[in-house]
Structure formats: C-alpha cells, structure tokens
Amino acid sequence: MKIVRFSHQGSTSYGLLEGSSIAVLSGSPFDGIEKTGVALPLDTVRVLAPVAPSKLVCVGLNYTLHAEESGVPVPEEPMLFMCAPSAIIADGEEIQLDNSDDRIDFEAEIGIVVGRRARNVAASDAGDYIFGYTCANDVSNRALQKKDGQFTRAKSFDTYKPVGPVIETDLDPDNVDIKLWQNGELRQSSNTNDMIFPIARIFEFVSSIMTLEPGDLIITGTPSGVGPMASGDEIVIEIEKIGRLHSRVA
C-alpha cells in the first residue's frame, strides 16, 4: 500500500493512493487502515510530507562506498544523530539554502516510518514495529559540519529534510535501488544492499536508546555520489517501489 498525508478544504487526513485518486482513511493509519468510503482526485488535494514525527533520527556513514569516498573507517555500530523535525518538507516544496557560499550537499536516503511504540526491539521483531518506508533527502551544510564537529545545526535548517511523497508499506528495504538526479544528471545510483547496517539492525539499535512513537522517522544514510547543490537546481530522488521525491533549490 502507498499511504499519503494530505490537506483538503482546511483538514489534514491520510489516504491510500490508488492510481490518480486517494481513498480517504478514518483517523491515523498507525491505528489501523480503515477507509471512509470517500475518494478524492489526487489533483484536488495538497500532498504533505507523509509524516509529522516527534523525532527525526538519522544514521551517518551507512553505505560502504560512501564511507570509502568520505575517507573514514567503516563504523562498528550505527552512527546516530538527531535533526529537527521542523526541517521536513513535502514533495515538490523548495529547499532554501541557508547561504550561497558554503558547500551544501544532497543525500538520497531511505526512511523508516515507525508504526507503533517501540523500545528495546530485537532485530528479528523489527518488522512488527515498522509501518513502512519513504524517500528522504538529508541536506547537509558541510562547512557547518566541519566547524561544529557534529551534525545538528548543519542538517536542521528549515526545508533541509524533503520527505515523501508516500509511505510504502510493502517493501524489502534491504534490496531496493536508490537514485538521485541533479538537473537531469544521475549523481547517486546504488542499492540498499550496500548498507553496512541493514534496516532491522538500525531499528534494534535506535530502539535500544530511545522510545520510538508511531510516525517517528529514521533516515538511514546515503550511498556514494553526494555532491553540492546551487540555487535553481532540481533534485529528484527515486527509490524502487516507493516513488520519486522532487525538490527545487533556492
């Protein structure tokens, strides 16, 4: 299933994407999938970011080739950091660079959407707690990363986390292609099977540290090929079986 979050006539709802229409759901999909019987044409609604999480947890250096291109050793356990959920924007919205001088990079990532409260979940049980998966762009100011020695400021500016357009609930997240185009040129092309830590291990590790709530988002690292963006760029991220996330840079 592909789940969308949308605004229509002043109300925010969830729905099932069915071709060019949305089957409106009753309440939150994290409480169960229940159709209202109402269907709306997709072009009559405003598609929002698919989640509004209480926590945005990020994993760094989780692809073997990206660790190599960064010139750092492969980590022995997932490297975590937090970003502000207020940085999240939807498909089609604009990334607003915090300045025009620093190097600010794109990073295509697959995101884990938490489906139920989770704490100390074993990797073998992670699938019971994961609702689905989405596309994300972990936009990063490299100058501030280097200056601060940590990632929060560099990655938490408003608009620095495009997410969407849907949550895909039926997916093998450890074997899907992940790609990014900049102005039509392919910049990142990999598969999640290059991840150092697979999805279930990441979920186990994060839930051993903090309680995860329904709708929380974990983004899981980027493959090789990251690069800088400039005003006017168009960025498209595609993850197999999820869809395409579009952003323009300003």
C-alpha atoms as a PDB file:
ATOM      1  CA  MET A   1       0.000   0.000   0.000  1.00  0.00           C
ATOM      2  CA  LYS A   2       1.020   3.563  -0.654  1.00  0.00           C
ATOM      3  CA  ILE A   3      -0.112   5.913   2.097  1.00  0.00           C
ATOM      4  CA  VAL A   4      -0.291   9.670   1.587  1.00  0.00           C
ATOM      5  CA  ARG A   5      -0.867  12.506   4.020  1.00  0.00           C
ATOM      6  CA  PHE A   6      -2.736  15.437   2.508  1.00  0.00           C
ATOM      7  CA  SER A   7      -4.640  18.646   3.102  1.00  0.00           C
ATOM      8  CA  HIS A   8      -8.119  19.209   1.675  1.00  0.00           C
ATOM      9  CA  GLN A   9     -10.524  22.037   2.476  1.00  0.00           C
ATOM     10  CA  GLY A  10      -8.587  23.005   5.588  1.00  0.00           C
ATOM     11  CA  SER A  11      -8.306  19.496   7.067  1.00  0.00           C
ATOM     12  CA  THR A  12      -5.339  17.129   7.189  1.00  0.00           C
ATOM     13  CA  SER A  13      -6.000  13.437   6.551  1.00  0.00           C
ATOM     14  CA  TYR A  14      -4.344  10.230   5.444  1.00  0.00           C
ATOM     15  CA  GLY A  15      -5.358   8.159   2.465  1.00  0.00           C
ATOM     16  CA  LEU A  16      -4.475   5.251   0.215  1.00  0.00           C
ATOM     17  CA  LEU A  17      -3.057   6.274  -3.140  1.00  0.00           C
ATOM     18  CA  GLU A  18      -4.994   4.354  -5.770  1.00  0.00           C
ATOM     19  CA  GLY A  19      -3.904   5.487  -9.223  1.00  0.00           C
ATOM     20  CA  SER A  20      -4.921   9.132  -9.624  1.00  0.00           C
ATOM     21  CA  SER A  21      -7.234   9.179  -6.613  1.00  0.00           C
ATOM     22  CA  ILE A  22      -6.958   8.979  -2.851  1.00  0.00           C
ATOM     23  CA  ALA A  23      -9.159   6.710  -0.754  1.00  0.00           C
ATOM     24  CA  VAL A  24      -9.567   8.742   2.437  1.00  0.00           C
ATOM     25  CA  LEU A  25      -8.817   6.916   5.679  1.00  0.00           C
ATOM     26  CA  SER A  26     -10.551   7.271   9.009  1.00  0.00           C
ATOM     27  CA  GLY A  27      -8.078   8.621  11.550  1.00  0.00           C
ATOM     28  CA  SER A  28      -4.413   7.684  11.632  1.00  0.00           C
ATOM     29  CA  PRO A  29      -3.145   4.716   9.632  1.00  0.00           C
ATOM     30  CA  PHE A  30      -0.941   3.837  12.607  1.00  0.00           C
ATOM     31  CA  ASP A  31      -4.160   2.854  14.407  1.00  0.00           C
ATOM     32  CA  GLY A  32      -5.297   0.653  11.529  1.00  0.00           C
ATOM     33  CA  ILE A  33      -6.286   1.053   7.882  1.00  0.00           C
ATOM     34  CA  GLU A  34      -9.985   1.924   7.670  1.00  0.00           C
ATOM     35  CA  LYS A  35     -11.452   3.552   4.582  1.00  0.00           C
ATOM     36  CA  THR A  36     -14.177   6.175   4.972  1.00  0.00           C
ATOM     37  CA  GLY A  37     -15.696   5.423   1.574  1.00  0.00           C
ATOM     38  CA  VAL A  38     -14.716   8.869   0.300  1.00  0.00           C
ATOM     39  CA  ALA A  39     -12.350   9.155  -2.670  1.00  0.00           C
ATOM     40  CA  LEU A  40     -10.708  12.376  -3.835  1.00  0.00           C
ATOM     41  CA  PRO A  41      -8.928  13.100  -7.116  1.00  0.00           C
ATOM     42  CA  LEU A  42      -5.220  13.483  -6.423  1.00  0.00           C
ATOM     43  CA  ASP A  43      -5.092  16.821  -8.233  1.00  0.00           C
ATOM     44  CA  THR A  44      -7.662  18.359  -5.852  1.00  0.00           C
ATOM     45  CA  VAL A  45      -5.566  17.935  -2.690  1.00  0.00           C
ATOM     46  CA  ARG A  46      -2.254  19.255  -1.396  1.00  0.00           C
ATOM     47  CA  VAL A  47       0.078  16.349  -0.712  1.00  0.00           C
ATOM     48  CA  LEU A  48       2.008  16.889   2.529  1.00  0.00           C
ATOM     49  CA  ALA A  49       5.096  15.218   3.934  1.00  0.00           C
ATOM     50  CA  PRO A  50       3.874  11.715   4.804  1.00  0.00           C
ATOM     51  CA  VAL A  51       4.826  12.042   8.479  1.00  0.00           C
ATOM     52  CA  ALA A  52       4.979  14.753  11.142  1.00  0.00           C
ATOM     53  CA  PRO A  53       7.279  12.938  13.574  1.00  0.00           C
ATOM     54  CA  SER A  54       8.023  13.679  17.197  1.00  0.00           C
ATOM     55  CA  LYS A  55      11.595  12.541  16.471  1.00  0.00           C
ATOM     56  CA  LEU A  56      13.775  12.598  13.367  1.00  0.00           C
ATOM     57  CA  VAL A  57      16.640  10.150  13.917  1.00  0.00           C
ATOM     58  CA  CYS A  58      19.465   9.997  11.382  1.00  0.00           C
ATOM     59  CA  VAL A  59      22.201   7.465  10.627  1.00  0.00           C
ATOM     60  CA  GLY A  60      25.542   8.517   9.165  1.00  0.00           C
ATOM     61  CA  LEU A  61      28.078   6.592   7.083  1.00  0.00           C
ATOM     62  CA  ASN A  62      25.885   3.567   6.489  1.00  0.00           C
ATOM     63  CA  TYR A  63      26.949   2.662   2.933  1.00  0.00           C
ATOM     64  CA  THR A  64      30.282   1.003   2.316  1.00  0.00           C
ATOM     65  CA  LEU A  65      31.155   3.037  -0.786  1.00  0.00           C
ATOM     66  CA  HIS A  66      30.129   6.310   0.864  1.00  0.00           C
ATOM     67  CA  ALA A  67      32.415   5.586   3.820  1.00  0.00           C
ATOM     68  CA  GLU A  68      35.221   4.961   1.335  1.00  0.00           C
ATOM     69  CA  GLU A  69      34.611   8.198  -0.590  1.00  0.00           C
ATOM     70  CA  SER A  70      34.488  10.102   2.712  1.00  0.00           C
ATOM     71  CA  GLY A  71      37.865   8.660   3.706  1.00  0.00           C
ATOM     72  CA  VAL A  72      36.685   7.351   7.069  1.00  0.00           C
ATOM     73  CA  PRO A  73      36.706   3.850   8.572  1.00  0.00           C
ATOM     74  CA  VAL A  74      33.566   1.733   8.422  1.00  0.00           C
ATOM     75  CA  PRO A  75      31.794   2.268  11.774  1.00  0.00           C
ATOM     76  CA  GLU A  76      31.473  -0.633  14.209  1.00  0.00           C
ATOM     77  CA  GLU A  77      27.920   0.353  15.164  1.00  0.00           C
ATOM     78  CA  PRO A  78      25.344   2.728  13.662  1.00  0.00           C
ATOM     79  CA  MET A  79      26.376   6.365  13.990  1.00  0.00           C
ATOM     80  CA  LEU A  80      23.341   8.312  15.168  1.00  0.00           C
ATOM     81  CA  PHE A  81      22.463  11.977  15.301  1.00  0.00           C
ATOM     82  CA  MET A  82      19.236  13.935  15.628  1.00  0.00           C
ATOM     83  CA  CYS A  83      17.742  16.575  13.359  1.00  0.00           C
ATOM     84  CA  ALA A  84      14.880  18.982  13.914  1.00  0.00           C
ATOM     85  CA  PRO A  85      11.541  17.594  12.650  1.00  0.00           C
ATOM     86  CA  SER A  86      10.721  21.171  11.631  1.00  0.00           C
ATOM     87  CA  ALA A  87      13.230  20.731   8.775  1.00  0.00           C
ATOM     88  CA  ILE A  88      10.825  18.360   6.998  1.00  0.00           C
ATOM     89  CA  ILE A  89       9.131  19.488   3.783  1.00  0.00           C
ATOM     90  CA  ALA A  90       6.951  17.690   1.265  1.00  0.00           C
ATOM     91  CA  ASP A  91       7.417  16.504  -2.286  1.00  0.00           C
ATOM     92  CA  GLY A  92       7.514  19.493  -4.619  1.00  0.00           C
ATOM     93  CA  GLU A  93       8.439  22.018  -1.954  1.00  0.00           C
ATOM     94  CA  GLU A  94      11.519  24.203  -2.092  1.00  0.00           C
ATOM     95  CA  ILE A  95      14.871  23.632  -0.375  1.00  0.00           C
ATOM     96  CA  GLN A  96      16.053  27.046   0.801  1.00  0.00           C
ATOM     97  CA  LEU A  97      19.826  27.107   1.211  1.00  0.00           C
ATOM     98  CA  ASP A  98      20.928  28.880   4.400  1.00  0.00           C
ATOM     99  CA  ASN A  99      23.603  30.777   2.432  1.00  0.00           C
ATOM    100  CA  SER A 100      25.154  30.878  -1.032  1.00  0.00           C
ATOM    101  CA  ASP A 101      28.810  30.429  -0.039  1.00  0.00           C
ATOM    102  CA  ASP A 102      29.040  27.122   1.863  1.00  0.00           C
ATOM    103  CA  ARG A 103      29.025  23.710   0.239  1.00  0.00           C
ATOM    104  CA  ILE A 104      25.537  22.274   0.848  1.00  0.00           C
ATOM    105  CA  ASP A 105      25.079  18.688  -0.320  1.00  0.00           C
ATOM    106  CA  PHE A 106      22.219  16.405  -1.326  1.00  0.00           C
ATOM    107  CA  GLU A 107      21.987  12.922   0.217  1.00  0.00           C
ATOM    108  CA  ALA A 108      19.418  10.406  -1.034  1.00  0.00           C
ATOM    109  CA  GLU A 109      18.193   8.127   1.762  1.00  0.00           C
ATOM    110  CA  ILE A 110      15.515   5.573   2.560  1.00  0.00           C
ATOM    111  CA  GLY A 111      13.469   6.423   5.642  1.00  0.00           C
ATOM    112  CA  ILE A 112      11.900   4.071   8.177  1.00  0.00           C
ATOM    113  CA  VAL A 113       8.442   5.095   9.404  1.00  0.00           C
ATOM    114  CA  VAL A 114       7.674   3.757  12.883  1.00  0.00           C
ATOM    115  CA  GLY A 115       4.260   2.113  13.208  1.00  0.00           C
ATOM    116  CA  ARG A 116       3.889   1.523  16.935  1.00  0.00           C
ATOM    117  CA  ARG A 117       5.591   2.419  20.175  1.00  0.00           C
ATOM    118  CA  ALA A 118       8.921   0.632  20.296  1.00  0.00           C
ATOM    119  CA  ARG A 119      11.568   0.170  22.963  1.00  0.00           C
ATOM    120  CA  ASN A 120      14.313  -2.466  23.065  1.00  0.00           C
ATOM    121  CA  VAL A 121      13.027  -4.241  19.965  1.00  0.00           C
ATOM    122  CA  ALA A 122      15.135  -7.149  18.709  1.00  0.00           C
ATOM    123  CA  ALA A 123      16.167  -7.041  15.057  1.00  0.00           C
ATOM    124  CA  SER A 124      14.162 -10.215  14.473  1.00  0.00           C
ATOM    125  CA  ASP A 125      11.000  -8.402  15.599  1.00  0.00           C
ATOM    126  CA  ALA A 126      11.629  -5.054  13.903  1.00  0.00           C
ATOM    127  CA  GLY A 127       9.209  -5.748  11.075  1.00  0.00           C
ATOM    128  CA  ASP A 128       6.343  -5.855  13.566  1.00  0.00           C
ATOM    129  CA  TYR A 129       7.058  -2.239  14.546  1.00  0.00           C
ATOM    130  CA  ILE A 130       7.875  -0.696  11.169  1.00  0.00           C
ATOM    131  CA  PHE A 131       4.907   0.772   9.335  1.00  0.00           C
ATOM    132  CA  GLY A 132       6.666   1.409   6.041  1.00  0.00           C
ATOM    133  CA  TYR A 133       9.316   3.314   4.121  1.00  0.00           C
ATOM    134  CA  THR A 134       9.703   6.635   2.329  1.00  0.00           C
ATOM    135  CA  CYS A 135      12.244   8.723   0.393  1.00  0.00           C
ATOM    136  CA  ALA A 136      14.307  11.427   2.072  1.00  0.00           C
ATOM    137  CA  ASN A 137      16.989  13.968   1.236  1.00  0.00           C
ATOM    138  CA  ASP A 138      19.399  14.633   4.112  1.00  0.00           C
ATOM    139  CA  VAL A 139      20.510  18.114   3.003  1.00  0.00           C
ATOM    140  CA  SER A 140      23.793  18.991   4.735  1.00  0.00           C
ATOM    141  CA  ASN A 141      25.878  22.143   5.144  1.00  0.00           C
ATOM    142  CA  ARG A 142      29.414  20.731   5.058  1.00  0.00           C
ATOM    143  CA  ALA A 143      31.096  23.912   6.297  1.00  0.00           C
ATOM    144  CA  LEU A 144      28.971  23.904   9.449  1.00  0.00           C
ATOM    145  CA  GLN A 145      29.513  20.171   9.961  1.00  0.00           C
ATOM    146  CA  LYS A 146      33.254  20.784   9.981  1.00  0.00           C
ATOM    147  CA  LYS A 147      33.000  23.926  12.112  1.00  0.00           C
ATOM    148  CA  ASP A 148      30.704  22.411  14.756  1.00  0.00           C
ATOM    149  CA  GLY A 149      32.217  18.932  14.862  1.00  0.00           C
ATOM    150  CA  GLN A 150      28.690  17.496  14.900  1.00  0.00           C
ATOM    151  CA  PHE A 151      25.688  17.487  12.616  1.00  0.00           C
ATOM    152  CA  THR A 152      22.649  19.076  14.247  1.00  0.00           C
ATOM    153  CA  ARG A 153      22.962  22.654  13.001  1.00  0.00           C
ATOM    154  CA  ALA A 154      24.294  21.666   9.576  1.00  0.00           C
ATOM    155  CA  LYS A 155      21.310  19.447   8.841  1.00  0.00           C
ATOM    156  CA  SER A 156      18.407  21.062  10.732  1.00  0.00           C
ATOM    157  CA  PHE A 157      17.715  24.274   8.848  1.00  0.00           C
ATOM    158  CA  ASP A 158      14.091  24.661   7.787  1.00  0.00           C
ATOM    159  CA  THR A 159      13.495  22.825   4.464  1.00  0.00           C
ATOM    160  CA  TYR A 160      16.632  20.649   4.817  1.00  0.00           C
ATOM    161  CA  LYS A 161      14.711  17.368   5.021  1.00  0.00           C
ATOM    162  CA  PRO A 162      12.474  16.762   2.000  1.00  0.00           C
ATOM    163  CA  VAL A 163      10.462  13.582   2.649  1.00  0.00           C
ATOM    164  CA  GLY A 164       7.889  11.670   0.626  1.00  0.00           C
ATOM    165  CA  PRO A 165       5.877  11.503  -1.420  1.00  0.00           C
ATOM    166  CA  VAL A 166       4.314   8.362   0.119  1.00  0.00           C
ATOM    167  CA  ILE A 167       4.833   5.681   2.725  1.00  0.00           C
ATOM    168  CA  GLU A 168       5.184   2.286   1.049  1.00  0.00           C
ATOM    169  CA  THR A 169       4.136  -0.490   3.423  1.00  0.00           C
ATOM    170  CA  ASP A 170       5.056  -3.492   1.246  1.00  0.00           C
ATOM    171  CA  LEU A 171       8.792  -3.452   0.629  1.00  0.00           C
ATOM    172  CA  ASP A 172      12.009  -5.370   1.155  1.00  0.00           C
ATOM    173  CA  PRO A 173      14.058  -2.357   2.302  1.00  0.00           C
ATOM    174  CA  ASP A 174      17.383  -4.154   2.175  1.00  0.00           C
ATOM    175  CA  ASN A 175      17.322  -4.706  -1.596  1.00  0.00           C
ATOM    176  CA  VAL A 176      15.945  -1.720  -3.492  1.00  0.00           C
ATOM    177  CA  ASP A 177      17.625   0.649  -5.921  1.00  0.00           C
ATOM    178  CA  ILE A 178      18.175   4.219  -4.719  1.00  0.00           C
ATOM    179  CA  LYS A 179      18.995   7.018  -7.156  1.00  0.00           C
ATOM    180  CA  LEU A 180      19.320  10.795  -7.291  1.00  0.00           C
ATOM    181  CA  TRP A 181      19.303  13.136 -10.288  1.00  0.00           C
ATOM    182  CA  GLN A 182      20.530  16.724 -10.235  1.00  0.00           C
ATOM    183  CA  ASN A 183      19.188  18.754 -13.153  1.00  0.00           C
ATOM    184  CA  GLY A 184      18.538  15.516 -15.004  1.00  0.00           C
ATOM    185  CA  GLU A 185      22.029  14.081 -14.457  1.00  0.00           C
ATOM    186  CA  LEU A 186      22.330  10.884 -12.414  1.00  0.00           C
ATOM    187  CA  ARG A 187      24.521  11.616  -9.374  1.00  0.00           C
ATOM    188  CA  GLN A 188      23.771   8.749  -6.988  1.00  0.00           C
ATOM    189  CA  SER A 189      22.960   5.198  -8.050  1.00  0.00           C
ATOM    190  CA  SER A 190      23.146   2.330  -5.606  1.00  0.00           C
ATOM    191  CA  ASN A 191      21.147  -0.324  -3.832  1.00  0.00           C
ATOM    192  CA  THR A 192      20.316  -0.610  -0.159  1.00  0.00           C
ATOM    193  CA  ASN A 193      22.163  -3.939  -0.146  1.00  0.00           C
ATOM    194  CA  ASP A 194      25.326  -1.801   0.150  1.00  0.00           C
ATOM    195  CA  MET A 195      24.220  -0.713   3.626  1.00  0.00           C
ATOM    196  CA  ILE A 196      26.660  -1.514   6.399  1.00  0.00           C
ATOM    197  CA  PHE A 197      23.818  -1.949   8.897  1.00  0.00           C
ATOM    198  CA  PRO A 198      20.537  -3.316   7.499  1.00  0.00           C
ATOM    199  CA  ILE A 199      17.171  -1.847   8.407  1.00  0.00           C
ATOM    200  CA  ALA A 200      16.334  -4.293  11.204  1.00  0.00           C
ATOM    201  CA  ARG A 201      19.700  -3.760  12.893  1.00  0.00           C
ATOM    202  CA  ILE A 202      19.238   0.016  12.731  1.00  0.00           C
ATOM    203  CA  PHE A 203      15.791  -0.285  14.280  1.00  0.00           C
ATOM    204  CA  GLU A 204      17.120  -2.536  17.043  1.00  0.00           C
ATOM    205  CA  PHE A 205      19.948  -0.099  17.796  1.00  0.00           C
ATOM    206  CA  VAL A 206      17.804   3.043  17.844  1.00  0.00           C
ATOM    207  CA  SER A 207      15.080   1.457  19.970  1.00  0.00           C
ATOM    208  CA  SER A 208      17.701   0.325  22.492  1.00  0.00           C
ATOM    209  CA  ILE A 209      18.450   4.010  23.126  1.00  0.00           C
ATOM    210  CA  MET A 210      15.097   5.780  22.931  1.00  0.00           C
ATOM    211  CA  THR A 211      11.393   5.051  22.835  1.00  0.00           C
ATOM    212  CA  LEU A 212      10.059   5.401  19.306  1.00  0.00           C
ATOM    213  CA  GLU A 213       6.496   6.572  18.719  1.00  0.00           C
ATOM    214  CA  PRO A 214       4.129   5.972  15.777  1.00  0.00           C
ATOM    215  CA  GLY A 215       5.057   8.307  12.943  1.00  0.00           C
ATOM    216  CA  ASP A 216       8.650   8.823  14.042  1.00  0.00           C
ATOM    217  CA  LEU A 217      11.146   8.780  11.203  1.00  0.00           C
ATOM    218  CA  ILE A 218      14.599   7.196  10.961  1.00  0.00           C
ATOM    219  CA  ILE A 219      16.648   8.077   7.883  1.00  0.00           C
ATOM    220  CA  THR A 220      19.323   5.521   7.251  1.00  0.00           C
ATOM    221  CA  GLY A 221      22.345   7.024   5.493  1.00  0.00           C
ATOM    222  CA  THR A 222      23.239   7.817   1.910  1.00  0.00           C
ATOM    223  CA  PRO A 223      25.162   5.932  -0.789  1.00  0.00           C
ATOM    224  CA  SER A 224      28.197   7.262  -2.627  1.00  0.00           C
ATOM    225  CA  GLY A 225      27.968  10.167  -5.049  1.00  0.00           C
ATOM    226  CA  VAL A 226      26.904  13.024  -2.760  1.00  0.00           C
ATOM    227  CA  GLY A 227      27.540  16.483  -4.128  1.00  0.00           C
ATOM    228  CA  PRO A 228      26.792  20.195  -3.758  1.00  0.00           C
ATOM    229  CA  MET A 229      23.614  21.987  -4.780  1.00  0.00           C
ATOM    230  CA  ALA A 230      23.062  25.529  -6.050  1.00  0.00           C
ATOM    231  CA  SER A 231      20.073  27.800  -6.376  1.00  0.00           C
ATOM    232  CA  GLY A 232      17.943  26.797  -9.336  1.00  0.00           C
ATOM    233  CA  ASP A 233      18.833  23.105  -9.176  1.00  0.00           C
ATOM    234  CA  GLU A 234      16.177  20.428  -9.476  1.00  0.00           C
ATOM    235  CA  ILE A 235      16.744  17.348  -7.329  1.00  0.00           C
ATOM    236  CA  VAL A 236      14.858  14.092  -7.891  1.00  0.00           C
ATOM    237  CA  ILE A 237      15.271  11.084  -5.607  1.00  0.00           C
ATOM    238  CA  GLU A 238      13.854   7.723  -6.652  1.00  0.00           C
ATOM    239  CA  ILE A 239      13.656   4.612  -4.500  1.00  0.00           C
ATOM    240  CA  GLU A 240      12.448   1.470  -6.195  1.00  0.00           C
ATOM    241  CA  LYS A 241       8.778   0.665  -5.429  1.00  0.00           C
ATOM    242  CA  ILE A 242       8.340   3.835  -3.340  1.00  0.00           C
ATOM    243  CA  GLY A 243       8.404   6.573  -5.961  1.00  0.00           C
ATOM    244  CA  ARG A 244      10.042   9.908  -6.696  1.00  0.00           C
ATOM    245  CA  LEU A 245      10.687  12.853  -4.399  1.00  0.00           C
ATOM    246  CA  HIS A 246      11.061  16.191  -6.231  1.00  0.00           C
ATOM    247  CA  SER A 247      12.652  19.380  -4.889  1.00  0.00           C
ATOM    248  CA  ARG A 248      13.787  22.690  -6.341  1.00  0.00           C
ATOM    249  CA  VAL A 249      16.667  24.547  -4.690  1.00  0.00           C
ATOM    250  CA  ALA A 250      16.563  28.272  -3.900  1.00  0.00           C
END
